[in-house]
Structures are given as structure tokens and as C-alpha cells.
C-alpha atoms as a PDB file:
ATOM      1  CA  MET A   1       1.908  -0.850   6.657  1.00  0.00           C
ATOM      2  CA  PRO A   2       3.061  -1.872  10.640  1.00  0.00           C
ATOM      3  CA  LYS A   3       3.168  -5.456  11.478  1.00  0.00           C
ATOM      4  CA  SER A   4       0.161  -5.302  13.833  1.00  0.00           C
ATOM      5  CA  ARG A   5      -1.730  -3.771  10.935  1.00  0.00           C
ATOM      6  CA  TYR A   6      -0.956  -6.819   8.680  1.00  0.00           C
ATOM      7  CA  ALA A   7      -1.874  -9.272  11.502  1.00  0.00           C
ATOM      8  CA  LEU A   8      -5.297  -7.767  12.159  1.00  0.00           C
ATOM      9  CA  ARG A   9      -5.811  -7.660   7.857  1.00  0.00           C
ATOM     10  CA  ASP A  10      -4.848 -11.336   7.657  1.00  0.00           C
ATOM     11  CA  PHE A  11      -6.876 -12.501  10.394  1.00  0.00           C
ATOM     12  CA  LEU A  12      -9.978 -10.644   9.050  1.00  0.00           C
ATOM     13  CA  THR A  13      -9.202 -11.962   5.626  1.00  0.00           C
ATOM     14  CA  THR A  14      -8.963 -15.312   7.319  1.00  0.00           C
ATOM     15  CA  PHE A  15     -12.305 -15.190   9.216  1.00  0.00           C
ATOM     16  CA  LEU A  16     -14.278 -13.520   6.445  1.00  0.00           C
ATOM     17  CA  LEU A  17     -13.137 -16.158   4.047  1.00  0.00           C
ATOM     18  CA  LEU A  18     -13.832 -19.147   6.287  1.00  0.00           C
ATOM     19  CA  ALA A  19     -17.056 -17.625   7.224  1.00  0.00           C
ATOM     20  CA  ALA A  20     -18.114 -17.693   3.995  1.00  0.00           C
ATOM     21  CA  ALA A  21     -17.156 -21.305   2.860  1.00  0.00           C
ATOM     22  CA  PHE A  22     -18.828 -22.336   5.742  1.00  0.00           C
ATOM     23  CA  ILE A  23     -22.061 -20.542   4.762  1.00  0.00           C
ATOM     24  CA  LEU A  24     -21.645 -21.400   1.360  1.00  0.00           C
ATOM     25  CA  GLY A  25     -20.765 -25.389   2.599  1.00  0.00           C
ATOM     26  CA  LEU A  26     -24.213 -25.181   4.398  1.00  0.00           C
ATOM     27  CA  LEU A  27     -26.042 -24.262   1.307  1.00  0.00           C
ATOM     28  CA  LEU A  28     -24.309 -26.681  -0.689  1.00  0.00           C
ATOM     29  CA  GLN A  29     -25.039 -29.631   1.527  1.00  0.00           C
ATOM     30  CA  HIS A  30     -28.646 -28.293   1.892  1.00  0.00           C
ATOM     31  CA  PHE A  31     -29.201 -28.180  -1.770  1.00  0.00           C
ATOM     32  CA  PHE A  32     -26.802 -30.914  -3.080  1.00  0.00           C
ATOM     33  CA  GLN A  33     -26.254 -33.154  -0.080  1.00  0.00           C
ATOM     34  CA  SER A  34     -22.782 -33.406  -1.134  1.00  0.00           C
ATOM     35  CA  GLN A  35     -19.711 -33.790   0.755  1.00  0.00           C
ATOM     36  CA  SER A  36     -17.134 -33.606  -1.883  1.00  0.00           C
ATOM     37  CA  LEU A  37     -18.370 -29.867  -2.914  1.00  0.00           C
ATOM     38  CA  VAL A  38     -18.108 -28.602   0.755  1.00  0.00           C
ATOM     39  CA  SER A  39     -14.483 -29.891   0.972  1.00  0.00           C
ATOM     40  CA  MET A  40     -13.880 -28.205  -2.250  1.00  0.00           C
ATOM     41  CA  VAL A  41     -15.077 -25.167  -0.878  1.00  0.00           C
ATOM     42  CA  PHE A  42     -12.890 -25.093   1.908  1.00  0.00           C
ATOM     43  CA  VAL A  43      -9.874 -26.008  -0.240  1.00  0.00           C
ATOM     44  CA  LEU A  44     -10.803 -22.776  -2.270  1.00  0.00           C
ATOM     45  CA  ALA A  45     -11.172 -20.665   0.869  1.00  0.00           C
ATOM     46  CA  VAL A  46      -7.513 -22.031   2.089  1.00  0.00           C
ATOM     47  CA  PHE A  47      -6.228 -21.130  -1.586  1.00  0.00           C
ATOM     48  CA  LEU A  48      -7.886 -17.701  -1.167  1.00  0.00           C
ATOM     49  CA  ILE A  49      -6.480 -17.126   2.303  1.00  0.00           C
ATOM     50  CA  SER A  50      -3.057 -18.282   1.193  1.00  0.00           C
ATOM     51  CA  VAL A  51      -3.304 -15.402  -1.673  1.00  0.00           C
ATOM     52  CA  PHE A  52      -4.359 -12.587   0.270  1.00  0.00           C
ATOM     53  CA  THR A  53      -2.442 -13.049   3.288  1.00  0.00           C
ATOM     54  CA  ARG A  54       0.972 -12.847   4.252  1.00  0.00           C
ATOM     55  CA  GLY A  55       3.234 -15.806   5.211  1.00  0.00           C
ATOM     56  CA  TYR A  56       2.476 -19.438   6.124  1.00  0.00           C
ATOM     57  CA  PHE A  57       0.476 -18.963   9.396  1.00  0.00           C
ATOM     58  CA  TRP A  58      -2.739 -18.170   8.083  1.00  0.00           C
ATOM     59  CA  GLY A  59      -3.114 -20.775   5.090  1.00  0.00           C
ATOM     60  CA  ILE A  60      -1.931 -23.510   7.438  1.00  0.00           C
ATOM     61  CA  LEU A  61      -4.102 -22.308  10.385  1.00  0.00           C
ATOM     62  CA  ALA A  62      -7.098 -22.118   7.718  1.00  0.00           C
ATOM     63  CA  SER A  63      -6.327 -25.501   6.293  1.00  0.00           C
ATOM     64  CA  LEU A  64      -6.318 -27.007   9.882  1.00  0.00           C
ATOM     65  CA  VAL A  65      -9.737 -25.073  10.871  1.00  0.00           C
ATOM     66  CA  SER A  66     -10.981 -26.348   7.446  1.00  0.00           C
ATOM     67  CA  VAL A  67     -10.355 -30.038   8.083  1.00  0.00           C
ATOM     68  CA  LEU A  68     -11.768 -29.726  11.403  1.00  0.00           C
ATOM     69  CA  THR A  69     -14.964 -27.893  10.683  1.00  0.00           C
ATOM     70  CA  ASP A  70     -15.509 -30.186   7.316  1.00  0.00           C
ATOM     71  CA  ASN A  71     -15.093 -33.334   9.708  1.00  0.00           C
ATOM     72  CA  TYR A  72     -17.417 -32.012  12.712  1.00  0.00           C
ATOM     73  CA  VAL A  73     -20.118 -30.190  10.577  1.00  0.00           C
ATOM     74  CA  PHE A  74     -20.177 -31.641   7.108  1.00  0.00           C
ATOM     75  CA  SER A  75     -19.406 -35.188   7.836  1.00  0.00           C
ATOM     76  CA  PHE A  76     -21.426 -37.894   9.084  1.00  0.00           C
ATOM     77  CA  PRO A  77     -21.875 -38.520  12.029  1.00  0.00           C
ATOM     78  CA  TYR A  78     -22.879 -34.872  12.169  1.00  0.00           C
ATOM     79  CA  PHE A  79     -21.332 -32.163  14.940  1.00  0.00           C
ATOM     80  CA  ALA A  80     -18.777 -35.006  16.016  1.00  0.00           C
ATOM     81  CA  PHE A  81     -15.373 -35.582  15.306  1.00  0.00           C
ATOM     82  CA  ASP A  82     -14.962 -38.851  13.392  1.00  0.00           C
ATOM     83  CA  PHE A  83     -11.409 -39.746  12.557  1.00  0.00           C
ATOM     84  CA  LEU A  84     -11.840 -43.499  13.071  1.00  0.00           C
ATOM     85  CA  THR A  85     -13.778 -44.200   9.938  1.00  0.00           C
ATOM     86  CA  THR A  86     -11.751 -44.794   6.911  1.00  0.00           C
ATOM     87  CA  GLU A  87     -13.557 -42.935   4.743  1.00  0.00           C
ATOM     88  CA  ASN A  88     -13.275 -39.536   7.117  1.00  0.00           C
ATOM     89  CA  LEU A  89      -9.820 -40.290   7.926  1.00  0.00           C
ATOM     90  CA  VAL A  90      -8.562 -40.556   3.982  1.00  0.00           C
ATOM     91  CA  SER A  91     -11.103 -37.541   3.591  1.00  0.00           C
ATOM     92  CA  THR A  92      -9.393 -35.282   6.225  1.00  0.00           C
ATOM     93  CA  MET A  93      -5.961 -36.187   5.497  1.00  0.00           C
ATOM     94  CA  VAL A  94      -6.102 -35.684   1.743  1.00  0.00           C
ATOM     95  CA  MET A  95      -8.067 -32.588   2.425  1.00  0.00           C
ATOM     96  CA  LEU A  96      -5.365 -31.462   4.495  1.00  0.00           C
ATOM     97  CA  ILE A  97      -2.308 -32.034   2.423  1.00  0.00           C
ATOM     98  CA  VAL A  98      -4.133 -30.112  -0.319  1.00  0.00           C
ATOM     99  CA  ALA A  99      -4.929 -27.339   1.576  1.00  0.00           C
ATOM    100  CA  ILE A 100      -1.237 -27.143   3.073  1.00  0.00           C
ATOM    101  CA  LEU A 101       0.535 -27.710  -0.480  1.00  0.00           C
ATOM    102  CA  THR A 102      -1.732 -24.910  -1.598  1.00  0.00           C
ATOM    103  CA  CYS A 103      -1.039 -22.782   0.937  1.00  0.00           C
ATOM    104  CA  THR A 104       3.006 -23.449   0.584  1.00  0.00           C
ATOM    105  CA  LEU A 105       2.788 -23.004  -3.276  1.00  0.00           C
ATOM    106  CA  THR A 106       1.118 -19.879  -3.213  1.00  0.00           C
ATOM    107  CA  THR A 107       3.185 -18.305  -0.518  1.00  0.00           C
ATOM    108  CA  LYS A 108       6.461 -19.247  -2.395  1.00  0.00           C
ATOM    109  CA  LEU A 109       4.681 -17.865  -5.515  1.00  0.00           C
ATOM    110  CA  LYS A 110       4.507 -14.529  -3.891  1.00  0.00           C
ATOM    111  CA  HIS A 111       7.673 -14.504  -2.398  1.00  0.00           C
ATOM    112  CA  GLN A 112       9.222 -15.263  -5.695  1.00  0.00           C
ATOM    113  CA  ASP A 113       6.789 -12.288  -7.251  1.00  0.00           C
ATOM    114  CA  TYR A 114       8.429 -10.091  -4.392  1.00  0.00           C
ATOM    115  CA  LEU A 115      11.746 -10.839  -5.206  1.00  0.00           C
ATOM    116  CA  ARG A 116      11.678 -10.485  -8.854  1.00  0.00           C
ATOM    117  CA  MET A 117       9.911  -7.039  -7.964  1.00  0.00           C
ATOM    118  CA  GLU A 118      12.996  -5.919  -6.171  1.00  0.00           C
ATOM    119  CA  SER A 119      15.303  -6.897  -8.611  1.00  0.00           C
ATOM    120  CA  GLU A 120      13.554  -4.981 -11.305  1.00  0.00           C
ATOM    121  CA  LYS A 121      13.332  -2.298  -8.950  1.00  0.00           C
ATOM    122  CA  GLU A 122      17.033  -2.215  -8.229  1.00  0.00           C
ATOM    123  CA  LYS A 123      17.661  -2.367 -12.193  1.00  0.00           C
ATOM    124  CA  MET A 124      15.555   0.650 -12.704  1.00  0.00           C
ATOM    125  CA  ARG A 125      17.455   2.620  -9.757  1.00  0.00           C
ATOM    126  CA  GLY A 126      20.723   1.830 -11.461  1.00  0.00           C
ATOM    127  CA  ASN A 127      19.187   2.767 -14.643  1.00  0.00           C
ATOM    128  CA  LEU A 128      18.121   6.279 -13.334  1.00  0.00           C
ATOM    129  CA  LEU A 129      21.508   6.985 -11.604  1.00  0.00           C
ATOM    130  CA  ARG A 130      23.449   6.399 -14.832  1.00  0.00           C
ATOM    131  CA  ALA A 131      20.905   8.436 -16.631  1.00  0.00           C
ATOM    132  CA  ILE A 132      21.203  11.438 -14.008  1.00  0.00           C
ATOM    133  CA  SER A 133      25.005  11.161 -13.653  1.00  0.00           C
ATOM    134  CA  HIS A 134      25.488  11.426 -17.479  1.00  0.00           C
ATOM    135  CA  ASP A 135      22.925  14.283 -17.422  1.00  0.00           C
ATOM    136  CA  LEU A 136      24.644  15.918 -14.671  1.00  0.00           C
ATOM    137  CA  ARG A 137      28.303  15.547 -15.712  1.00  0.00           C
ATOM    138  CA  THR A 138      27.623  16.609 -19.585  1.00  0.00           C
ATOM    139  CA  PRO A 139      26.932  20.499 -18.654  1.00  0.00           C
ATOM    140  CA  LEU A 140      29.549  20.254 -16.067  1.00  0.00           C
ATOM    141  CA  THR A 141      32.039  19.035 -18.670  1.00  0.00           C
ATOM    142  CA  THR A 142      31.187  21.849 -20.966  1.00  0.00           C
ATOM    143  CA  ILE A 143      31.431  24.361 -18.391  1.00  0.00           C
ATOM    144  CA  TYR A 144      34.683  23.354 -17.147  1.00  0.00           C
ATOM    145  CA  GLY A 145      36.090  23.047 -20.759  1.00  0.00           C
ATOM    146  CA  SER A 146      34.831  26.646 -21.149  1.00  0.00           C
ATOM    147  CA  CYS A 147      36.332  27.902 -18.188  1.00  0.00           C
ATOM    148  CA  GLY A 148      39.754  26.204 -18.997  1.00  0.00           C
ATOM    149  CA  ALA A 149      39.451  27.718 -22.461  1.00  0.00           C
ATOM    150  CA  LEU A 150      38.782  31.226 -21.263  1.00  0.00           C
ATOM    151  CA  ILE A 151      41.306  30.897 -18.548  1.00  0.00           C
ATOM    152  CA  ASP A 152      44.403  29.458 -20.540  1.00  0.00           C
ATOM    153  CA  ASN A 153      43.462  31.438 -24.322  1.00  0.00           C
ATOM    154  CA  HIS A 154      42.589  34.424 -22.594  1.00  0.00           C
ATOM    155  CA  ASP A 155      44.704  36.597 -24.651  1.00  0.00           C
ATOM    156  CA  ASN A 156      44.674  34.811 -27.625  1.00  0.00           C
ATOM    157  CA  LEU A 157      40.447  34.676 -28.006  1.00  0.00           C
ATOM    158  CA  SER A 158      38.667  37.667 -29.420  1.00  0.00           C
ATOM    159  CA  THR A 159      35.866  39.092 -27.131  1.00  0.00           C
ATOM    160  CA  GLU A 160      32.977  37.550 -29.641  1.00  0.00           C
ATOM    161  CA  GLN A 161      34.917  33.931 -28.906  1.00  0.00           C
ATOM    162  CA  GLN A 162      34.947  34.921 -24.969  1.00  0.00           C
ATOM    163  CA  ILE A 163      31.492  35.995 -25.078  1.00  0.00           C
ATOM    164  CA  ARG A 164      30.311  32.738 -26.561  1.00  0.00           C
ATOM    165  CA  LEU A 165      32.033  30.750 -24.349  1.00  0.00           C
ATOM    166  CA  LEU A 166      30.758  32.784 -21.778  1.00  0.00           C
ATOM    167  CA  ARG A 167      27.499  32.382 -23.181  1.00  0.00           C
ATOM    168  CA  GLU A 168      27.358  28.557 -23.499  1.00  0.00           C
ATOM    169  CA  MET A 169      28.734  28.227 -19.811  1.00  0.00           C
ATOM    170  CA  GLN A 170      25.609  30.477 -18.597  1.00  0.00           C
ATOM    171  CA  GLU A 171      23.121  28.033 -20.749  1.00  0.00           C
ATOM    172  CA  ASP A 172      24.700  24.858 -19.487  1.00  0.00           C
ATOM    173  CA  SER A 173      24.489  26.257 -15.882  1.00  0.00           C
ATOM    174  CA  GLU A 174      20.797  27.256 -16.612  1.00  0.00           C
ATOM    175  CA  ASN A 175      20.464  23.901 -17.859  1.00  0.00           C
ATOM    176  CA  LEU A 176      22.291  22.211 -14.812  1.00  0.00           C
ATOM    177  CA  ILE A 177      20.103  24.299 -12.462  1.00  0.00           C
ATOM    178  CA  ARG A 178      16.712  22.638 -14.009  1.00  0.00           C
ATOM    179  CA  ILE A 179      18.127  19.083 -14.059  1.00  0.00           C
ATOM    180  CA  VAL A 180      18.965  19.602  -9.953  1.00  0.00           C
ATOM    181  CA  GLU A 181      15.860  21.391  -9.240  1.00  0.00           C
ATOM    182  CA  ASN A 182      13.652  18.489 -11.066  1.00  0.00           C
ATOM    183  CA  LEU A 183      15.836  16.144  -9.283  1.00  0.00           C
ATOM    184  CA  LEU A 184      14.977  17.532  -5.919  1.00  0.00           C
ATOM    185  CA  SER A 185      11.438  18.126  -6.745  1.00  0.00           C
ATOM    186  CA  VAL A 186      11.050  14.248  -7.295  1.00  0.00           C
END
């Protein structure tokens, strides 16, 4: 997926989750008159944004937007920024710290998961190459050995022994062709 497509997807994810948190916050404030529930909804939204987007940018942006929205819409005095009241200031700082730490931790966990998957992919690739090289070498070695036996001992081998070696070479050649065709189809 191109970077612009990821950016658009991350933007939409951030926007939709913040909008959902805002609507849920309005409902919680209407029914329960609880500021702490609204803050927790925004922290959950930041966590989900961090999980479903790439990098730190969207999670940190969501943290800042959440803190500002919480202070402006859901804290008294309503529809005004108030960072001078001790309660609002402490609440804002705690929410911002929790949101940024959550964003950072989820991003680091996703990065570690990515590195682990890449490591496993490399192990699988190595195992596959070892298996393929073994499957290719076995018939080639048999064909090479049979050819050498026919060339070196042509006069000493009976017609039946020569035909048996030629059949083995033919079978191993057919086996080798199947392996190569399977590899090419993969």
C-alpha cells in the first residue's frame, strides 16, 4: 500500500475514533454527569488510534486533540479553555501523559511484532532454501554418479546394468523436472 494511502487510512481512523469518543463523551456527560468517564473514553480512543495507525504521529496528535477537546467541551467552564484551575491543569497533564505513554507503548509493541515477524520470515526462507537445495542436489548427484559409472565402466557393465542406470537417470531427471516446475509455479 502506498504511503499516501496509509496516511489517508490513518487520518480517517483517527478522525472516526475521535468523533466516536466525542459523541460517547457527550452521551456519558448527559446521562452520568461524570468528567472522569469522558476522559477515560478519550484515553481509550487514543489507545485504539495508536493500535490501528502507523507511527507516533497519529497517536500523539489524538492525545493533544483529546486533551484540548476534554478541556474545552467537557470541563467547567464549558466552551472555554481553562488551564489555570488546578483541577483542570492536573487532569489535563495526567490525561496527556497517559495518552502519550499509551501511544508510545503500543507503537513500540507493534514495531517489535514487526521485527519478530520479519525474523520468522527470514528463518522460514532459510529453511525453504535448505530444503530446496537438498531436493535439487539429490537427483543431480544420482544422475552424475550414474553417468560417471556408465562412462568409466562401460565395457565392464552388462546391458541390463547399463539400462538400469539409464532408467535411474531418467527417473531422477523426471523427478528433478517436477521439482523445478513446482518451484517455478510457486
